[in-house]
Amino acid sequence: MIALRQDFANFSRRADAKIGLLKEVIEKIQNGEDVDVEGLLGTGDREREKEWEEVLQEIEREDQEWEDAKRRKPRHGDNSANPEAPQVTSSQNVHIKQDGRHRPKTNAPPGFY
C-alpha cells in the first residue's frame, strides 16, 4: 500500500512538472517571446523524450481507467441502470425482495447485522 502511494506521488510530481513546463512555454508564446519549444521540451534528447512519452502514457492510462470506472459504477439515484433492485413502498415502509418476502425497513447501515 505504501509503495502504491509512493508510485502515485512520483507520478503526480512528474506530471505536475511536465504540465508546469508546458504552461510556461504556452505563456511565453502568448506573450510574443521567442521560444525554443523543441529545446525546452527536450526534442532530440532520447532520455527527455522517453520521460515525456512515459508521462503521456501514464496520463492516458489514468484517464482511461477513470472513464472505465465511471461507466461501470452507476450514479446515485439512477434506478434505470439496475431495474432488479429492491423496491421500497413508502406506505408500508418495507423492502420487497425478488423472492416475495417482506422485510421491515431499519435505520441500520446496509450490510449491518
PDB file of N, CA and C in Angstrom:
ATOM      1  N   MET A   1       0.829  -1.180   0.000  1.00  0.00           N
ATOM      2  CA  MET A   1       0.000   0.000   0.000  1.00  0.00           C
ATOM      3  C   MET A   1       0.877   1.249   0.000  1.00  0.00           C
ATOM      4  N   ILE A   2       1.939   1.213   0.772  1.00  0.00           N
ATOM      5  CA  ILE A   2       2.855   2.353   0.836  1.00  0.00           C
ATOM      6  C   ILE A   2       3.552   2.537  -0.506  1.00  0.00           C
ATOM      7  N   ALA A   3       3.949   1.437  -1.129  1.00  0.00           N
ATOM      8  CA  ALA A   3       4.615   1.519  -2.433  1.00  0.00           C
ATOM      9  C   ALA A   3       3.679   2.119  -3.477  1.00  0.00           C
ATOM     10  N   LEU A   4       2.406   1.737  -3.432  1.00  0.00           N
ATOM     11  CA  LEU A   4       1.425   2.288  -4.361  1.00  0.00           C
ATOM     12  C   LEU A   4       1.273   3.791  -4.151  1.00  0.00           C
ATOM     13  N   ARG A   5       1.222   4.199  -2.908  1.00  0.00           N
ATOM     14  CA  ARG A   5       1.101   5.621  -2.594  1.00  0.00           C
ATOM     15  C   ARG A   5       2.330   6.388  -3.080  1.00  0.00           C
ATOM     16  N   GLN A   6       3.510   5.813  -2.893  1.00  0.00           N
ATOM     17  CA  GLN A   6       4.738   6.466  -3.348  1.00  0.00           C
ATOM     18  C   GLN A   6       4.792   6.534  -4.872  1.00  0.00           C
ATOM     19  N   ASP A   7       4.359   5.465  -5.540  1.00  0.00           N
ATOM     20  CA  ASP A   7       4.322   5.475  -7.005  1.00  0.00           C
ATOM     21  C   ASP A   7       3.387   6.562  -7.514  1.00  0.00           C
ATOM     22  N   PHE A   8       2.236   6.683  -6.883  1.00  0.00           N
ATOM     23  CA  PHE A   8       1.288   7.714  -7.300  1.00  0.00           C
ATOM     24  C   PHE A   8       1.845   9.106  -7.030  1.00  0.00           C
ATOM     25  N   ALA A   9       2.523   9.283  -5.906  1.00  0.00           N
ATOM     26  CA  ALA A   9       3.127  10.584  -5.594  1.00  0.00           C
ATOM     27  C   ALA A   9       4.198  10.932  -6.624  1.00  0.00           C
ATOM     28  N   ASN A  10       5.019   9.957  -7.000  1.00  0.00           N
ATOM     29  CA  ASN A  10       6.040  10.186  -8.031  1.00  0.00           C
ATOM     30  C   ASN A  10       5.395  10.538  -9.365  1.00  0.00           C
ATOM     31  N   PHE A  11       4.362   9.807  -9.728  1.00  0.00           N
ATOM     32  CA  PHE A  11       3.647  10.097 -10.968  1.00  0.00           C
ATOM     33  C   PHE A  11       3.084  11.508 -10.943  1.00  0.00           C
ATOM     34  N   SER A  12       2.473  11.884  -9.833  1.00  0.00           N
ATOM     35  CA  SER A  12       1.883  13.218  -9.722  1.00  0.00           C
ATOM     36  C   SER A  12       2.936  14.304  -9.835  1.00  0.00           C
ATOM     37  N   ARG A  13       4.067  14.113  -9.178  1.00  0.00           N
ATOM     38  CA  ARG A  13       5.137  15.118  -9.252  1.00  0.00           C
ATOM     39  C   ARG A  13       5.656  15.259 -10.675  1.00  0.00           C
ATOM     40  N   ARG A  14       5.880  14.124 -11.341  1.00  0.00           N
ATOM     41  CA  ARG A  14       6.391  14.179 -12.716  1.00  0.00           C
ATOM     42  C   ARG A  14       5.382  14.830 -13.651  1.00  0.00           C
ATOM     43  N   ALA A  15       4.124  14.452 -13.508  1.00  0.00           N
ATOM     44  CA  ALA A  15       3.088  15.030 -14.361  1.00  0.00           C
ATOM     45  C   ALA A  15       2.948  16.525 -14.095  1.00  0.00           C
ATOM     46  N   ASP A  16       2.969  16.923 -12.827  1.00  0.00           N
ATOM     47  CA  ASP A  16       2.868  18.346 -12.487  1.00  0.00           C
ATOM     48  C   ASP A  16       4.040  19.135 -13.042  1.00  0.00           C
ATOM     49  N   ALA A  17       5.232  18.562 -12.987  1.00  0.00           N
ATOM     50  CA  ALA A  17       6.413  19.246 -13.524  1.00  0.00           C
ATOM     51  C   ALA A  17       6.288  19.418 -15.033  1.00  0.00           C
ATOM     52  N   LYS A  18       5.846  18.382 -15.718  1.00  0.00           N
ATOM     53  CA  LYS A  18       5.694  18.459 -17.174  1.00  0.00           C
ATOM     54  C   LYS A  18       4.588  19.444 -17.548  1.00  0.00           C
ATOM     55  N   ILE A  19       3.490  19.419 -16.828  1.00  0.00           N
ATOM     56  CA  ILE A  19       2.396  20.352 -17.098  1.00  0.00           C
ATOM     57  C   ILE A  19       2.842  21.782 -16.834  1.00  0.00           C
ATOM     58  N   GLY A  20       3.609  21.985 -15.764  1.00  0.00           N
ATOM     59  CA  GLY A  20       4.141  23.316 -15.472  1.00  0.00           C
ATOM     60  C   GLY A  20       5.043  23.820 -16.583  1.00  0.00           C
ATOM     61  N   LEU A  21       5.874  22.944 -17.111  1.00  0.00           N
ATOM     62  CA  LEU A  21       6.761  23.317 -18.216  1.00  0.00           C
ATOM     63  C   LEU A  21       5.951  23.688 -19.454  1.00  0.00           C
ATOM     64  N   LEU A  22       4.912  22.914 -19.738  1.00  0.00           N
ATOM     65  CA  LEU A  22       4.053  23.231 -20.875  1.00  0.00           C
ATOM     66  C   LEU A  22       3.359  24.582 -20.688  1.00  0.00           C
ATOM     67  N   LYS A  23       2.881  24.857 -19.480  1.00  0.00           N
ATOM     68  CA  LYS A  23       2.237  26.145 -19.203  1.00  0.00           C
ATOM     69  C   LYS A  23       3.212  27.293 -19.414  1.00  0.00           C
ATOM     70  N   GLU A  24       4.434  27.100 -18.950  1.00  0.00           N
ATOM     71  CA  GLU A  24       5.462  28.129 -19.108  1.00  0.00           C
ATOM     72  C   GLU A  24       5.723  28.413 -20.585  1.00  0.00           C
ATOM     73  N   VAL A  25       5.847  27.371 -21.383  1.00  0.00           N
ATOM     74  CA  VAL A  25       6.090  27.532 -22.818  1.00  0.00           C
ATOM     75  C   VAL A  25       4.908  28.251 -23.472  1.00  0.00           C
ATOM     76  N   ILE A  26       3.689  27.858 -23.124  1.00  0.00           N
ATOM     77  CA  ILE A  26       2.496  28.480 -23.705  1.00  0.00           C
ATOM     78  C   ILE A  26       2.421  29.955 -23.335  1.00  0.00           C
ATOM     79  N   GLU A  27       2.698  30.294 -22.066  1.00  0.00           N
ATOM     80  CA  GLU A  27       2.675  31.697 -21.637  1.00  0.00           C
ATOM     81  C   GLU A  27       3.692  32.525 -22.402  1.00  0.00           C
ATOM     82  N   LYS A  28       4.888  31.980 -22.591  1.00  0.00           N
ATOM     83  CA  LYS A  28       5.917  32.714 -23.330  1.00  0.00           C
ATOM     84  C   LYS A  28       5.486  32.950 -24.773  1.00  0.00           C
ATOM     85  N   ILE A  29       4.879  31.947 -25.381  1.00  0.00           N
ATOM     86  CA  ILE A  29       4.412  32.089 -26.761  1.00  0.00           C
ATOM     87  C   ILE A  29       3.293  33.126 -26.831  1.00  0.00           C
ATOM     88  N   GLN A  30       2.363  33.085 -25.862  1.00  0.00           N
ATOM     89  CA  GLN A  30       1.264  34.046 -25.849  1.00  0.00           C
ATOM     90  C   GLN A  30       1.761  35.470 -25.622  1.00  0.00           C
ATOM     91  N   ASN A  31       2.854  35.632 -24.888  1.00  0.00           N
ATOM     92  CA  ASN A  31       3.427  36.957 -24.639  1.00  0.00           C
ATOM     93  C   ASN A  31       4.262  37.443 -25.816  1.00  0.00           C
ATOM     94  N   GLY A  32       4.389  36.611 -26.831  1.00  0.00           N
ATOM     95  CA  GLY A  32       5.129  37.002 -28.021  1.00  0.00           C
ATOM     96  C   GLY A  32       6.626  36.820 -27.904  1.00  0.00           C
ATOM     97  N   GLU A  33       7.081  36.127 -26.871  1.00  0.00           N
ATOM     98  CA  GLU A  33       8.508  35.888 -26.698  1.00  0.00           C
ATOM     99  C   GLU A  33       8.979  34.827 -27.691  1.00  0.00           C
ATOM    100  N   ASP A  34      10.235  34.926 -28.053  1.00  0.00           N
ATOM    101  CA  ASP A  34      10.834  33.935 -28.945  1.00  0.00           C
ATOM    102  C   ASP A  34      11.255  32.741 -28.092  1.00  0.00           C
ATOM    103  N   VAL A  35      10.656  31.581 -28.346  1.00  0.00           N
ATOM    104  CA  VAL A  35      10.865  30.407 -27.501  1.00  0.00           C
ATOM    105  C   VAL A  35      11.359  29.238 -28.349  1.00  0.00           C
ATOM    106  N   ASP A  36      12.375  28.557 -27.839  1.00  0.00           N
ATOM    107  CA  ASP A  36      12.848  27.324 -28.470  1.00  0.00           C
ATOM    108  C   ASP A  36      12.053  26.172 -27.856  1.00  0.00           C
ATOM    109  N   VAL A  37      10.878  25.922 -28.428  1.00  0.00           N
ATOM    110  CA  VAL A  37       9.965  24.917 -27.877  1.00  0.00           C
ATOM    111  C   VAL A  37      10.604  23.538 -27.876  1.00  0.00           C
ATOM    112  N   GLU A  38      11.221  23.173 -28.976  1.00  0.00           N
ATOM    113  CA  GLU A  38      11.840  21.850 -29.064  1.00  0.00           C
ATOM    114  C   GLU A  38      12.946  21.693 -28.032  1.00  0.00           C
ATOM    115  N   GLY A  39      13.711  22.747 -27.816  1.00  0.00           N
ATOM    116  CA  GLY A  39      14.789  22.686 -26.833  1.00  0.00           C
ATOM    117  C   GLY A  39      14.259  22.557 -25.416  1.00  0.00           C
ATOM    118  N   LEU A  40      13.214  23.348 -25.089  1.00  0.00           N
ATOM    119  CA  LEU A  40      12.637  23.294 -23.747  1.00  0.00           C
ATOM    120  C   LEU A  40      11.961  21.957 -23.457  1.00  0.00           C
ATOM    121  N   LEU A  41      11.347  21.393 -24.475  1.00  0.00           N
ATOM    122  CA  LEU A  41      10.640  20.128 -24.270  1.00  0.00           C
ATOM    123  C   LEU A  41      11.524  18.909 -24.465  1.00  0.00           C
ATOM    124  N   GLY A  42      12.753  19.120 -24.916  1.00  0.00           N
ATOM    125  CA  GLY A  42      13.704  18.020 -24.991  1.00  0.00           C
ATOM    126  C   GLY A  42      13.702  17.242 -26.282  1.00  0.00           C
ATOM    127  N   THR A  43      13.245  17.844 -27.364  1.00  0.00           N
ATOM    128  CA  THR A  43      13.261  17.145 -28.646  1.00  0.00           C
ATOM    129  C   THR A  43      14.699  16.875 -29.057  1.00  0.00           C
ATOM    130  N   GLY A  44      14.968  15.657 -29.457  1.00  0.00           N
ATOM    131  CA  GLY A  44      16.316  15.261 -29.851  1.00  0.00           C
ATOM    132  C   GLY A  44      17.089  14.592 -28.729  1.00  0.00           C
ATOM    133  N   ASP A  45      16.682  14.807 -27.493  1.00  0.00           N
ATOM    134  CA  ASP A  45      17.319  14.178 -26.337  1.00  0.00           C
ATOM    135  C   ASP A  45      16.511  12.922 -26.002  1.00  0.00           C
ATOM    136  N   ARG A  46      17.092  11.762 -26.271  1.00  0.00           N
ATOM    137  CA  ARG A  46      16.364  10.496 -26.102  1.00  0.00           C
ATOM    138  C   ARG A  46      15.809  10.321 -24.686  1.00  0.00           C
ATOM    139  N   GLU A  47      16.581  10.683 -23.689  1.00  0.00           N
ATOM    140  CA  GLU A  47      16.143  10.490 -22.306  1.00  0.00           C
ATOM    141  C   GLU A  47      14.920  11.360 -21.992  1.00  0.00           C
ATOM    142  N   ARG A  48      14.972  12.624 -22.384  1.00  0.00           N
ATOM    143  CA  ARG A  48      13.849  13.528 -22.117  1.00  0.00           C
ATOM    144  C   ARG A  48      12.625  13.142 -22.946  1.00  0.00           C
ATOM    145  N   GLU A  49      12.855  12.708 -24.177  1.00  0.00           N
ATOM    146  CA  GLU A  49      11.732  12.252 -24.999  1.00  0.00           C
ATOM    147  C   GLU A  49      11.067  11.027 -24.375  1.00  0.00           C
ATOM    148  N   LYS A  50      11.887  10.131 -23.820  1.00  0.00           N
ATOM    149  CA  LYS A  50      11.352   8.935 -23.172  1.00  0.00           C
ATOM    150  C   LYS A  50      10.537   9.327 -21.937  1.00  0.00           C
ATOM    151  N   GLU A  51      11.030  10.307 -21.163  1.00  0.00           N
ATOM    152  CA  GLU A  51      10.282  10.782 -19.995  1.00  0.00           C
ATOM    153  C   GLU A  51       8.923  11.331 -20.409  1.00  0.00           C
ATOM    154  N   TRP A  52       8.918  12.151 -21.466  1.00  0.00           N
ATOM    155  CA  TRP A  52       7.658  12.702 -21.956  1.00  0.00           C
ATOM    156  C   TRP A  52       6.718  11.582 -22.390  1.00  0.00           C
ATOM    157  N   GLU A  53       7.228  10.626 -23.101  1.00  0.00           N
ATOM    158  CA  GLU A  53       6.402   9.514 -23.574  1.00  0.00           C
ATOM    159  C   GLU A  53       5.802   8.746 -22.397  1.00  0.00           C
ATOM    160  N   GLU A  54       6.608   8.488 -21.364  1.00  0.00           N
ATOM    161  CA  GLU A  54       6.116   7.767 -20.187  1.00  0.00           C
ATOM    162  C   GLU A  54       5.034   8.560 -19.470  1.00  0.00           C
ATOM    163  N   VAL A  55       5.266   9.858 -19.307  1.00  0.00           N
ATOM    164  CA  VAL A  55       4.277  10.692 -18.624  1.00  0.00           C
ATOM    165  C   VAL A  55       2.971  10.718 -19.411  1.00  0.00           C
ATOM    166  N   LEU A  56       3.069  10.893 -20.722  1.00  0.00           N
ATOM    167  CA  LEU A  56       1.857  10.920 -21.543  1.00  0.00           C
ATOM    168  C   LEU A  56       1.120   9.584 -21.501  1.00  0.00           C
ATOM    169  N   GLN A  57       1.858   8.478 -21.528  1.00  0.00           N
ATOM    170  CA  GLN A  57       1.216   7.164 -21.446  1.00  0.00           C
ATOM    171  C   GLN A  57       0.536   6.971 -20.097  1.00  0.00           C
ATOM    172  N   GLU A  58       1.181   7.416 -19.019  1.00  0.00           N
ATOM    173  CA  GLU A  58       0.580   7.282 -17.695  1.00  0.00           C
ATOM    174  C   GLU A  58      -0.682   8.122 -17.586  1.00  0.00           C
ATOM    175  N   ILE A  59      -0.644   9.331 -18.138  1.00  0.00           N
ATOM    176  CA  ILE A  59      -1.825  10.192 -18.099  1.00  0.00           C
ATOM    177  C   ILE A  59      -2.960   9.561 -18.905  1.00  0.00           C
ATOM    178  N   GLU A  60      -2.653   9.051 -20.087  1.00  0.00           N
ATOM    179  CA  GLU A  60      -3.675   8.398 -20.909  1.00  0.00           C
ATOM    180  C   GLU A  60      -4.242   7.163 -20.213  1.00  0.00           C
ATOM    181  N   ARG A  61      -3.370   6.371 -19.585  1.00  0.00           N
ATOM    182  CA  ARG A  61      -3.818   5.165 -18.881  1.00  0.00           C
ATOM    183  C   ARG A  61      -4.722   5.546 -17.701  1.00  0.00           C
ATOM    184  N   GLU A  62      -4.320   6.555 -16.954  1.00  0.00           N
ATOM    185  CA  GLU A  62      -5.115   7.014 -15.816  1.00  0.00           C
ATOM    186  C   GLU A  62      -6.470   7.539 -16.288  1.00  0.00           C
ATOM    187  N   ASP A  63      -6.463   8.290 -17.381  1.00  0.00           N
ATOM    188  CA  ASP A  63      -7.702   8.822 -17.927  1.00  0.00           C
ATOM    189  C   ASP A  63      -8.617   7.691 -18.377  1.00  0.00           C
ATOM    190  N   GLN A  64      -8.063   6.675 -19.021  1.00  0.00           N
ATOM    191  CA  GLN A  64      -8.859   5.536 -19.474  1.00  0.00           C
ATOM    192  C   GLN A  64      -9.447   4.775 -18.286  1.00  0.00           C
ATOM    193  N   GLU A  65      -8.655   4.570 -17.240  1.00  0.00           N
ATOM    194  CA  GLU A  65      -9.148   3.891 -16.042  1.00  0.00           C
ATOM    195  C   GLU A  65     -10.271   4.692 -15.401  1.00  0.00           C
ATOM    196  N   TRP A  66     -10.130   6.007 -15.392  1.00  0.00           N
ATOM    197  CA  TRP A  66     -11.147   6.887 -14.816  1.00  0.00           C
ATOM    198  C   TRP A  66     -12.456   6.758 -15.610  1.00  0.00           C
ATOM    199  N   GLU A  67     -12.355   6.787 -16.932  1.00  0.00           N
ATOM    200  CA  GLU A  67     -13.536   6.665 -17.782  1.00  0.00           C
ATOM    201  C   GLU A  67     -14.186   5.291 -17.621  1.00  0.00           C
ATOM    202  N   ASP A  68     -13.391   4.233 -17.554  1.00  0.00           N
ATOM    203  CA  ASP A  68     -13.932   2.884 -17.365  1.00  0.00           C
ATOM    204  C   ASP A  68     -14.662   2.771 -16.034  1.00  0.00           C
ATOM    205  N   ALA A  69     -14.092   3.349 -14.991  1.00  0.00           N
ATOM    206  CA  ALA A  69     -14.713   3.300 -13.670  1.00  0.00           C
ATOM    207  C   ALA A  69     -16.038   4.064 -13.673  1.00  0.00           C
ATOM    208  N   LYS A  70     -16.088   5.185 -14.379  1.00  0.00           N
ATOM    209  CA  LYS A  70     -17.327   5.954 -14.450  1.00  0.00           C
ATOM    210  C   LYS A  70     -18.415   5.165 -15.167  1.00  0.00           C
ATOM    211  N   ARG A  71     -18.050   4.411 -16.205  1.00  0.00           N
ATOM    212  CA  ARG A  71     -19.035   3.628 -16.948  1.00  0.00           C
ATOM    213  C   ARG A  71     -19.531   2.440 -16.134  1.00  0.00           C
ATOM    214  N   ARG A  72     -18.647   1.838 -15.353  1.00  0.00           N
ATOM    215  CA  ARG A  72     -19.018   0.651 -14.575  1.00  0.00           C
ATOM    216  C   ARG A  72     -19.858   1.003 -13.361  1.00  0.00           C
ATOM    217  N   LYS A  73     -19.591   2.126 -12.732  1.00  0.00           N
ATOM    218  CA  LYS A  73     -20.251   2.488 -11.482  1.00  0.00           C
ATOM    219  C   LYS A  73     -21.520   3.291 -11.776  1.00  0.00           C
ATOM    220  N   PRO A  74     -22.686   2.787 -11.347  1.00  0.00           N
ATOM    221  CA  PRO A  74     -23.921   3.533 -11.596  1.00  0.00           C
ATOM    222  C   PRO A  74     -23.981   4.787 -10.725  1.00  0.00           C
ATOM    223  N   ARG A  75     -24.661   5.784 -11.249  1.00  0.00           N
ATOM    224  CA  ARG A  75     -24.810   7.022 -10.493  1.00  0.00           C
ATOM    225  C   ARG A  75     -25.872   6.842  -9.421  1.00  0.00           C
ATOM    226  N   HIS A  76     -25.765   7.590  -8.335  1.00  0.00           N
ATOM    227  CA  HIS A  76     -26.750   7.533  -7.258  1.00  0.00           C
ATOM    228  C   HIS A  76     -28.086   8.062  -7.765  1.00  0.00           C
ATOM    229  N   GLY A  77     -29.152   7.381  -7.402  1.00  0.00           N
ATOM    230  CA  GLY A  77     -30.478   7.817  -7.789  1.00  0.00           C
ATOM    231  C   GLY A  77     -30.874   7.396  -9.187  1.00  0.00           C
ATOM    232  N   ASP A  78     -30.035   6.688  -9.891  1.00  0.00           N
ATOM    233  CA  ASP A  78     -30.329   6.245 -11.251  1.00  0.00           C
ATOM    234  C   ASP A  78     -30.761   4.785 -11.195  1.00  0.00           C
ATOM    235  N   ASN A  79     -32.069   4.553 -11.081  1.00  0.00           N
ATOM    236  CA  ASN A  79     -32.580   3.188 -10.964  1.00  0.00           C
ATOM    237  C   ASN A  79     -32.692   2.493 -12.304  1.00  0.00           C
ATOM    238  N   SER A  80     -32.571   3.229 -13.409  1.00  0.00           N
ATOM    239  CA  SER A  80     -32.684   2.602 -14.719  1.00  0.00           C
ATOM    240  C   SER A  80     -31.521   1.664 -14.996  1.00  0.00           C
ATOM    241  N   ALA A  81     -30.381   1.878 -14.354  1.00  0.00           N
ATOM    242  CA  ALA A  81     -29.219   1.025 -14.572  1.00  0.00           C
ATOM    243  C   ALA A  81     -29.397  -0.338 -13.913  1.00  0.00           C
ATOM    244  N   ASN A  82     -30.203  -0.409 -12.851  1.00  0.00           N
ATOM    245  CA  ASN A  82     -30.398  -1.658 -12.127  1.00  0.00           C
ATOM    246  C   ASN A  82     -31.894  -1.855 -11.883  1.00  0.00           C
ATOM    247  N   PRO A  83     -32.645  -2.358 -12.873  1.00  0.00           N
ATOM    248  CA  PRO A  83     -34.088  -2.490 -12.718  1.00  0.00           C
ATOM    249  C   PRO A  83     -34.498  -3.569 -11.728  1.00  0.00           C
ATOM    250  N   GLU A  84     -33.599  -4.468 -11.343  1.00  0.00           N
ATOM    251  CA  GLU A  84     -33.947  -5.541 -10.426  1.00  0.00           C
ATOM    252  C   GLU A  84     -33.610  -5.203  -8.983  1.00  0.00           C
ATOM    253  N   ALA A  85     -33.399  -3.938  -8.680  1.00  0.00           N
ATOM    254  CA  ALA A  85     -33.084  -3.522  -7.317  1.00  0.00           C
ATOM    255  C   ALA A  85     -34.336  -3.663  -6.461  1.00  0.00           C
ATOM    256  N   PRO A  86     -34.171  -3.880  -5.159  1.00  0.00           N
ATOM    257  CA  PRO A  86     -35.332  -3.991  -4.284  1.00  0.00           C
ATOM    258  C   PRO A  86     -36.169  -2.718  -4.337  1.00  0.00           C
ATOM    259  N   GLN A  87     -37.481  -2.898  -4.300  1.00  0.00           N
ATOM    260  CA  GLN A  87     -38.388  -1.762  -4.347  1.00  0.00           C
ATOM    261  C   GLN A  87     -38.813  -1.407  -2.938  1.00  0.00           C
ATOM    262  N   VAL A  88     -38.981  -0.123  -2.688  1.00  0.00           N
ATOM    263  CA  VAL A  88     -39.414   0.332  -1.375  1.00  0.00           C
ATOM    264  C   VAL A  88     -40.775   0.985  -1.536  1.00  0.00           C
ATOM    265  N   THR A  89     -41.723   0.548  -0.741  1.00  0.00           N
ATOM    266  CA  THR A  89     -43.034   1.178  -0.755  1.00  0.00           C
ATOM    267  C   THR A  89     -43.131   2.069   0.461  1.00  0.00           C
ATOM    268  N   SER A  90     -43.468   3.315   0.249  1.00  0.00           N
ATOM    269  CA  SER A  90     -43.484   4.261   1.359  1.00  0.00           C
ATOM    270  C   SER A  90     -44.669   4.024   2.284  1.00  0.00           C
ATOM    271  N   SER A  91     -45.798   3.524   1.760  1.00  0.00           N
ATOM    272  CA  SER A  91     -46.964   3.326   2.612  1.00  0.00           C
ATOM    273  C   SER A  91     -46.762   2.180   3.593  1.00  0.00           C
ATOM    274  N   GLN A  92     -46.041   1.147   3.196  1.00  0.00           N
ATOM    275  CA  GLN A  92     -45.837   0.008   4.078  1.00  0.00           C
ATOM    276  C   GLN A  92     -44.508   0.076   4.800  1.00  0.00           C
ATOM    277  N   ASN A  93     -43.557   0.876   4.300  1.00  0.00           N
ATOM    278  CA  ASN A  93     -42.230   1.021   4.899  1.00  0.00           C
ATOM    279  C   ASN A  93     -41.514  -0.326   5.018  1.00  0.00           C
ATOM    280  N   VAL A  94     -41.598  -1.133   3.956  1.00  0.00           N
ATOM    281  CA  VAL A  94     -40.908  -2.415   3.905  1.00  0.00           C
ATOM    282  C   VAL A  94     -40.194  -2.544   2.575  1.00  0.00           C
ATOM    283  N   HIS A  95     -39.175  -3.397   2.529  1.00  0.00           N
ATOM    284  CA  HIS A  95     -38.488  -3.727   1.283  1.00  0.00           C
ATOM    285  C   HIS A  95     -39.131  -4.985   0.715  1.00  0.00           C
ATOM    286  N   ILE A  96     -39.395  -4.989  -0.573  1.00  0.00           N
ATOM    287  CA  ILE A  96     -39.921  -6.180  -1.234  1.00  0.00           C
ATOM    288  C   ILE A  96     -38.791  -6.759  -2.056  1.00  0.00           C
ATOM    289  N   LYS A  97     -38.375  -7.961  -1.717  1.00  0.00           N
ATOM    290  CA  LYS A  97     -37.274  -8.612  -2.417  1.00  0.00           C
ATOM    291  C   LYS A  97     -37.819  -9.410  -3.590  1.00  0.00           C
ATOM    292  N   GLN A  98     -36.898  -9.891  -4.434  1.00  0.00           N
ATOM    293  CA  GLN A  98     -37.270 -10.656  -5.621  1.00  0.00           C
ATOM    294  C   GLN A  98     -38.048 -11.928  -5.269  1.00  0.00           C
ATOM    295  N   ASP A  99     -37.738 -12.568  -4.156  1.00  0.00           N
ATOM    296  CA  ASP A  99     -38.397 -13.830  -3.818  1.00  0.00           C
ATOM    297  C   ASP A  99     -39.764 -13.621  -3.158  1.00  0.00           C
ATOM    298  N   GLY A 100     -40.212 -12.371  -3.011  1.00  0.00           N
ATOM    299  CA  GLY A 100     -41.534 -12.105  -2.487  1.00  0.00           C
ATOM    300  C   GLY A 100     -41.590 -11.907  -0.982  1.00  0.00           C
ATOM    301  N   ARG A 101     -40.496 -12.119  -0.263  1.00  0.00           N
ATOM    302  CA  ARG A 101     -40.509 -11.949   1.186  1.00  0.00           C
ATOM    303  C   ARG A 101     -40.504 -10.466   1.534  1.00  0.00           C
ATOM    304  N   HIS A 102     -41.143 -10.130   2.632  1.00  0.00           N
ATOM    305  CA  HIS A 102     -41.156  -8.750   3.109  1.00  0.00           C
ATOM    306  C   HIS A 102     -40.197  -8.633   4.277  1.00  0.00           C
ATOM    307  N   ARG A 103     -39.504  -7.531   4.324  1.00  0.00           N
ATOM    308  CA  ARG A 103     -38.542  -7.306   5.390  1.00  0.00           C
ATOM    309  C   ARG A 103     -38.763  -5.894   5.916  1.00  0.00           C
ATOM    310  N   PRO A 104     -38.936  -5.701   7.218  1.00  0.00           N
ATOM    311  CA  PRO A 104     -39.138  -4.350   7.745  1.00  0.00           C
ATOM    312  C   PRO A 104     -37.899  -3.481   7.515  1.00  0.00           C
ATOM    313  N   LYS A 105     -38.137  -2.220   7.220  1.00  0.00           N
ATOM    314  CA  LYS A 105     -37.045  -1.282   6.998  1.00  0.00           C
ATOM    315  C   LYS A 105     -36.474  -0.869   8.347  1.00  0.00           C
ATOM    316  N   THR A 106     -35.137  -0.831   8.432  1.00  0.00           N
ATOM    317  CA  THR A 106     -34.462  -0.402   9.654  1.00  0.00           C
ATOM    318  C   THR A 106     -33.571   0.787   9.347  1.00  0.00           C
ATOM    319  N   ASN A 107     -33.075   1.415  10.390  1.00  0.00           N
ATOM    320  CA  ASN A 107     -32.151   2.533  10.239  1.00  0.00           C
ATOM    321  C   ASN A 107     -30.702   2.078  10.258  1.00  0.00           C
ATOM    322  N   ALA A 108     -30.471   0.780  10.301  1.00  0.00           N
ATOM    323  CA  ALA A 108     -29.107   0.250  10.335  1.00  0.00           C
ATOM    324  C   ALA A 108     -28.449   0.438   8.974  1.00  0.00           C
ATOM    325  N   PRO A 109     -27.130   0.634   8.968  1.00  0.00           N
ATOM    326  CA  PRO A 109     -26.421   0.750   7.687  1.00  0.00           C
ATOM    327  C   PRO A 109     -26.546  -0.538   6.888  1.00  0.00           C
ATOM    328  N   PRO A 110     -26.487  -0.462   5.552  1.00  0.00           N
ATOM    329  CA  PRO A 110     -26.576  -1.670   4.728  1.00  0.00           C
ATOM    330  C   PRO A 110     -25.474  -2.657   5.091  1.00  0.00           C
ATOM    331  N   GLY A 111     -25.811  -3.917   5.143  1.00  0.00           N
ATOM    332  CA  GLY A 111     -24.841  -4.947   5.471  1.00  0.00           C
ATOM    333  C   GLY A 111     -24.633  -5.114   6.967  1.00  0.00           C
ATOM    334  N   PHE A 112     -25.311  -4.308   7.768  1.00  0.00           N
ATOM    335  CA  PHE A 112     -25.183  -4.408   9.217  1.00  0.00           C
ATOM    336  C   PHE A 112     -26.119  -5.502   9.706  1.00  0.00           C
ATOM    337  N   TYR A 113     -25.704  -6.276  10.667  1.00  0.00           N
ATOM    338  CA  TYR A 113     -26.493  -7.422  11.128  1.00  0.00           C
ATOM    339  C   TYR A 113     -27.709  -6.969  11.800  1.00  0.00           C
TER     340      TYR A 113
END
